[in-house]
Protein backbone atom coordinates (compact mmCIF):
# COMPACT_ATOMS: atom_id res chain seq x y z
CA UNK A 1 -215.10 175.09 -1.03
CA UNK A 2 -217.46 172.06 -0.45
CA UNK A 3 -213.77 169.97 -1.57
CA UNK A 4 -211.86 171.88 1.02
CA UNK A 5 -213.76 171.32 3.57
CA UNK A 6 -214.03 167.36 2.83
CA UNK A 7 -210.50 167.63 3.40
CA UNK A 8 -209.73 168.80 6.22
CA UNK A 9 -212.26 167.23 7.86
CA UNK A 10 -210.83 163.90 6.42
CA UNK A 11 -207.83 165.02 8.13
CA UNK A 12 -209.23 165.65 11.50
CA UNK A 13 -210.88 162.01 11.24
CA UNK A 14 -207.22 160.69 10.19
CA UNK A 15 -205.88 162.69 13.57
CA UNK A 16 -208.59 160.76 15.48
CA UNK A 17 -207.36 157.23 13.92
CA UNK A 18 -203.83 157.66 14.38
CA UNK A 19 -204.04 158.92 18.18
CA UNK A 20 -204.61 156.42 19.87
CA UNK A 21 -200.99 155.31 19.55
CA UNK A 22 -199.29 157.92 18.13
CA UNK A 23 -199.10 161.23 20.16
CA UNK A 24 -201.17 164.30 18.30
CA UNK A 25 -197.43 166.29 18.24
CA UNK A 26 -195.98 163.78 16.37
CA UNK A 27 -198.64 163.20 14.23
CA UNK A 28 -198.43 166.92 14.02
CA UNK A 29 -194.79 167.16 13.10
CA UNK A 30 -195.66 164.22 9.90
CA UNK A 31 -198.28 166.42 8.74
CA UNK A 32 -195.92 170.01 8.42
CA UNK A 33 -193.10 167.47 7.36
CA UNK A 34 -195.68 166.33 4.35
CA UNK A 35 -196.99 169.12 3.49
CA UNK A 36 -193.36 170.96 3.32
CA UNK A 37 -192.45 168.34 1.23
CA UNK A 38 -195.16 168.28 -1.32
CA UNK A 39 -195.32 171.85 -1.35
CA UNK A 40 -191.78 171.92 -2.93
CA UNK A 41 -192.96 170.97 -6.53
CA UNK A 42 -195.08 174.38 -6.68
CA UNK A 43 -192.49 176.02 -4.79
CA UNK A 44 -189.61 175.07 -7.94
CA UNK A 45 -192.64 176.08 -10.06
CA UNK A 46 -193.03 179.80 -8.40
CA UNK A 47 -189.30 179.77 -9.37
CA UNK A 48 -186.87 182.74 -7.94
CA UNK A 49 -189.23 185.45 -8.41
CA UNK A 50 -192.41 183.66 -7.21
CA UNK A 51 -190.39 182.77 -3.27
CA UNK A 52 -188.75 186.31 -3.09
CA UNK A 53 -189.46 187.69 0.15
CA UNK A 54 -189.02 190.67 2.53
CA UNK A 55 -191.54 189.30 5.31
CA UNK A 56 -189.39 186.70 6.97
CA UNK A 57 -190.31 187.94 10.59
CA UNK A 58 -193.90 188.11 9.47
CA UNK A 59 -193.85 184.30 8.33
CA UNK A 60 -191.80 183.31 11.62
CA UNK A 61 -194.42 184.99 13.25
CA UNK A 62 -197.00 183.00 11.63
CA UNK A 63 -194.95 180.05 12.28
CA UNK A 64 -195.29 180.44 16.05
CA UNK A 65 -199.06 180.57 15.70
CA UNK A 66 -199.06 177.53 13.12
CA UNK A 67 -197.45 175.51 15.84
CA UNK A 68 -200.01 176.71 18.79
CA UNK A 69 -202.49 175.31 15.64
CA UNK A 70 -201.22 172.08 15.59
CA UNK A 71 -200.27 171.34 19.22
CA UNK A 72 -203.96 172.52 20.03
CA UNK A 73 -206.43 171.39 17.62
CA UNK A 74 -204.70 167.99 16.91
CA UNK A 75 -204.34 167.40 20.63
CA UNK A 76 -207.89 168.21 20.82
CA UNK A 77 -209.10 166.64 17.63
CA UNK A 78 -207.89 163.40 19.04
CA UNK A 79 -210.42 163.16 22.46
CA UNK A 80 -213.94 164.89 20.93
CA UNK A 81 -216.18 163.56 18.09
CA UNK A 82 -215.37 164.87 14.62
CA UNK A 83 -218.36 166.72 13.87
CA UNK A 84 -218.30 169.08 17.31
CA UNK A 85 -214.69 170.12 16.64
CA UNK A 86 -215.51 170.73 12.99
CA UNK A 87 -218.63 172.89 14.61
CA UNK A 88 -216.18 175.09 17.23
CA UNK A 89 -213.76 175.39 14.39
CA UNK A 90 -215.94 177.75 12.93
CA UNK A 91 -215.31 180.19 15.55
CA UNK A 92 -212.02 181.21 14.01
CA UNK A 93 -213.54 184.03 11.71
CA UNK A 94 -214.74 185.39 15.33
CA UNK A 95 -211.74 185.10 16.81
CA UNK A 96 -209.78 187.11 13.83
CA UNK A 97 -212.28 189.37 14.58
CA UNK A 98 -211.36 190.01 18.09
CA UNK A 99 -207.73 190.49 17.51
CA UNK A 100 -208.20 192.81 14.45
CA UNK A 101 -209.80 195.04 16.86
CA UNK A 102 -207.34 194.38 19.81
CA UNK A 103 -203.88 194.53 17.53
CA UNK A 104 -205.09 196.39 14.41
CA UNK A 105 -207.03 199.34 16.21
CA UNK A 106 -209.90 198.13 13.91
CA UNK A 107 -213.31 199.68 15.53
CA UNK A 108 -215.73 197.25 17.10
CA UNK A 109 -219.19 198.51 15.06
CA UNK A 110 -222.53 197.18 15.58
CA UNK A 111 -221.99 194.70 13.68
CA UNK A 112 -218.66 192.78 14.57
CA UNK A 113 -220.49 193.21 18.26
CA UNK A 114 -223.44 191.11 17.02
CA UNK A 115 -221.45 188.61 15.27
CA UNK A 116 -219.23 188.25 18.52
CA UNK A 117 -221.83 187.82 20.59
CA UNK A 118 -224.29 185.39 18.99
CA UNK A 119 -220.92 183.59 17.66
CA UNK A 120 -219.79 183.15 21.29
CA UNK A 121 -223.18 182.39 22.20
CA UNK A 122 -223.47 179.38 20.00
CA UNK A 123 -219.98 178.22 21.86
CA UNK A 124 -222.07 178.39 24.62
CA UNK A 125 -224.71 176.02 23.13
CA UNK A 126 -222.67 173.37 22.12
CA UNK A 127 -220.30 173.23 25.70
CA UNK A 128 -223.35 174.25 28.11
CA UNK A 129 -221.12 175.23 31.19
CA UNK A 130 -222.85 174.49 34.33
CA UNK A 131 -225.37 171.52 33.05
CA UNK A 132 -222.27 169.15 31.40
CA UNK A 133 -218.73 168.87 32.26
CA UNK A 134 -217.16 171.19 29.56
CA UNK A 135 -214.18 168.87 27.30
CA UNK A 136 -210.64 169.78 27.48
CA UNK A 137 -210.65 168.69 23.94
CA UNK A 138 -213.48 171.05 22.97
CA UNK A 139 -211.31 173.67 24.79
CA UNK A 140 -207.96 173.05 22.63
CA UNK A 141 -210.05 173.19 19.47
CA UNK A 142 -211.14 177.14 20.55
CA UNK A 143 -207.50 177.34 21.44
CA UNK A 144 -206.62 176.26 17.66
CA UNK A 145 -209.06 178.22 16.22
CA UNK A 146 -207.86 181.18 17.88
CA UNK A 147 -204.26 180.17 16.64
CA UNK A 148 -205.70 179.68 13.10
CA UNK A 149 -207.19 183.30 13.47
CA UNK A 150 -204.21 184.84 14.84
CA UNK A 151 -202.15 183.05 11.80
CA UNK A 152 -204.56 184.56 9.38
CA UNK A 153 -204.71 188.06 10.77
CA UNK A 154 -200.64 187.80 10.06
CA UNK A 155 -201.50 186.86 6.92
CA UNK A 156 -202.46 190.19 5.63
CA UNK A 157 -199.40 191.90 5.76
CA UNK A 158 -197.85 189.30 3.19
CA UNK A 159 -200.48 188.66 0.76
CA UNK A 160 -200.07 191.72 -0.82
CA UNK A 161 -196.38 191.16 -1.48
CA UNK A 162 -195.76 187.57 -1.21
CA UNK A 163 -197.00 184.42 -3.61
CA UNK A 164 -199.60 182.44 -2.30
CA UNK A 165 -197.70 179.27 -2.84
CA UNK A 166 -194.72 181.18 -1.10
CA UNK A 167 -196.67 181.80 2.13
CA UNK A 168 -197.61 178.17 2.80
CA UNK A 169 -193.88 177.32 1.94
CA UNK A 170 -192.52 179.73 4.17
CA UNK A 171 -195.18 178.58 7.08
CA UNK A 172 -194.21 174.94 6.77
CA UNK A 173 -190.18 175.93 7.00
CA UNK A 174 -190.58 177.24 9.71
CA UNK A 175 -193.07 175.37 11.27
CA UNK A 176 -192.06 172.28 10.66
CA UNK A 177 -188.62 172.49 13.04
CA UNK A 178 -190.73 174.31 15.41
CA UNK A 179 -193.40 171.50 15.73
CA UNK A 180 -190.44 168.48 15.83
CA UNK A 181 -188.81 170.08 19.20
CA UNK A 182 -192.16 169.12 21.30
CA UNK A 183 -192.58 165.74 19.10
CA UNK A 184 -188.85 164.23 19.88
CA UNK A 185 -190.17 164.59 23.71
CA UNK A 186 -192.88 162.30 23.26
CA UNK A 187 -191.27 160.19 20.14
CA UNK A 188 -191.93 156.42 19.16
CA UNK A 189 -191.37 154.96 15.84
CA UNK A 190 -194.08 154.45 14.33
CA UNK A 191 -195.14 151.06 12.21
CA UNK A 192 -196.32 151.41 8.48
CA UNK A 193 -200.09 151.56 9.07
CA UNK A 194 -199.02 154.91 11.01
CA UNK A 195 -197.18 156.35 8.81
CA UNK A 196 -199.80 155.85 5.98
CA UNK A 197 -202.32 157.67 8.56
CA UNK A 198 -199.96 160.38 9.12
CA UNK A 199 -198.76 160.50 5.63
CA UNK A 200 -202.84 161.05 4.74
CA UNK A 201 -202.99 163.92 7.51
CA UNK A 202 -200.28 165.82 5.79
CA UNK A 203 -201.41 164.65 2.47
CA UNK A 204 -205.42 166.00 3.27
CA UNK A 205 -204.02 169.40 4.90
CA UNK A 206 -202.13 169.97 1.64
CA UNK A 207 -205.46 169.48 -0.30
CA UNK A 208 -207.54 171.58 2.00
CA UNK A 209 -205.09 174.42 1.78
CA UNK A 210 -205.08 174.22 -1.91
CA UNK A 211 -208.61 174.07 -2.54
CA UNK A 212 -209.15 176.98 0.09
CA UNK A 213 -206.61 179.29 -1.84
CA UNK A 214 -208.37 178.66 -5.50
CA UNK A 215 -211.82 179.06 -3.55
CA UNK A 216 -210.67 182.59 -2.46
CA UNK A 217 -209.12 183.46 -5.94
CA UNK A 218 -212.38 182.42 -7.62
CA UNK A 219 -215.08 184.41 -5.89
CA UNK A 220 -215.73 186.93 -2.82
CA UNK A 221 -215.25 185.72 0.86
CA UNK A 222 -219.38 186.24 0.60
CA UNK A 223 -219.61 183.84 -1.63
CA UNK A 224 -217.32 181.08 -0.82
CA UNK A 225 -218.23 180.94 3.18
CA UNK A 226 -221.67 179.66 2.89
CA UNK A 227 -220.12 176.21 1.76
CA UNK A 228 -217.69 175.89 4.61
CA UNK A 229 -220.94 174.59 6.55
CA UNK A 230 -220.36 171.92 4.61
CA UNK A 231 -218.31 170.28 6.69
CA UNK A 232 -220.74 170.13 9.96
CA UNK A 233 -222.50 167.17 7.48
CA UNK A 234 -219.28 165.82 5.76
CA UNK A 235 -218.03 165.30 9.78
CA UNK A 236 -221.21 163.89 10.54
CA UNK A 237 -220.87 161.64 8.00
CA UNK A 238 -217.63 160.61 8.41
CA UNK A 239 -217.81 160.99 12.27
CA UNK A 240 -220.86 157.98 11.81
CA UNK A 241 -219.21 155.55 9.65
CA UNK A 242 -215.48 155.67 11.03
CA UNK A 243 -216.20 155.72 14.89
CA UNK A 244 -220.14 155.22 14.83
CA UNK A 245 -220.18 159.08 16.17
CA UNK A 246 -223.76 160.74 16.53
CA UNK A 247 -223.79 164.39 17.15
CA UNK A 248 -226.30 165.75 19.55
CA UNK A 249 -228.46 168.56 18.36
CA UNK A 250 -226.29 171.11 20.42
CA UNK A 251 -223.51 170.91 18.28
CA UNK A 252 -225.88 171.03 15.55
CA UNK A 253 -227.34 173.95 16.85
CA UNK A 254 -224.06 176.05 18.05
CA UNK A 255 -222.58 175.24 14.93
CA UNK A 256 -225.24 176.72 12.96
CA UNK A 257 -224.96 179.53 15.57
CA UNK A 258 -221.36 180.34 15.27
CA UNK A 259 -221.51 179.87 11.19
CA UNK A 260 -224.36 182.49 10.97
CA UNK A 261 -223.04 185.61 13.09
CA UNK A 262 -219.47 184.28 11.15
CA UNK A 263 -221.24 184.00 7.53
CA UNK A 264 -223.40 188.03 8.79
CA UNK A 265 -220.02 189.82 10.01
CA UNK A 266 -218.18 188.68 6.82
CA UNK A 267 -220.80 189.50 4.14
CA UNK A 268 -221.50 193.18 6.09
CA UNK A 269 -218.07 194.00 6.62
CA UNK A 270 -217.32 192.73 2.68
CA UNK A 271 -220.35 195.16 1.78
CA UNK A 272 -219.05 197.88 3.66
CA UNK A 273 -215.79 197.83 2.36
CA UNK A 274 -217.33 197.76 -1.01
CA UNK A 275 -219.35 201.33 -0.41
CA UNK A 276 -216.01 202.89 1.07
CA UNK A 277 -213.69 201.78 -2.19
CA UNK A 278 -216.93 203.01 -4.30
CA UNK A 279 -216.28 206.18 -2.15
CA UNK A 280 -212.65 206.32 -2.45
CA UNK A 281 -212.84 205.72 -6.35
CA UNK A 282 -215.61 208.72 -6.96
CA UNK A 283 -213.69 211.09 -4.84
CA UNK A 284 -210.67 210.79 -7.21
CA UNK A 285 -212.58 211.01 -9.79
């Protein structure tokens, strides 16, 4: 999980590095294209059975969410410090809980209510509305976290029937042509250095996906999620080395509050799910 956090942070840093000369939409297109190409060997290894799916409509809808993430997060990450973008992306599990209530009919219990209130209080700590001007880049990153949460909510419908490599592969199959359309409107031919930077974005995005899937396959979310907070110190170090950025105290405090709220919610809900599963098992025996 630490490797996944590092890969995602390096990807964000490369976006910042490339953004002054290449539009974020074009960077996002290369990210999707490289991700798709790098996933082909895994798709071939999975074979026909591994790639077989009856969920193309679901994958297409997830592709739309992926498009939203690429357009918003990449645009926002190009505008704000690396550590701040990583702190705000911690809101993704909170958005996911809110979407589950709104669209999946799940209940707003005390745990979720407390986590949502605390998590979004953390967002206010980082943004400090009324005290400083709210950054447009920060709002875009929050929109990206919402899009990522929507994508993760949708994927719940496919994880029981589709191979993990197929889930990633088909998302790129749908996302790549979608992001190509806005990329063409802002297209500039990149030089070799820019191409290498954008290949790096796609490469580290793929590493992030692979490391993340392996982490969640090896352990429960409650064991994996604490290591997600490694993003913030890693982002602080990389941001300082690459851009001489020093995250302010509000990014640290707000990020810690958001992360703690997400961790609290995931741990309590996982514990409740296990308890319910145990009750069902006992009633059937």
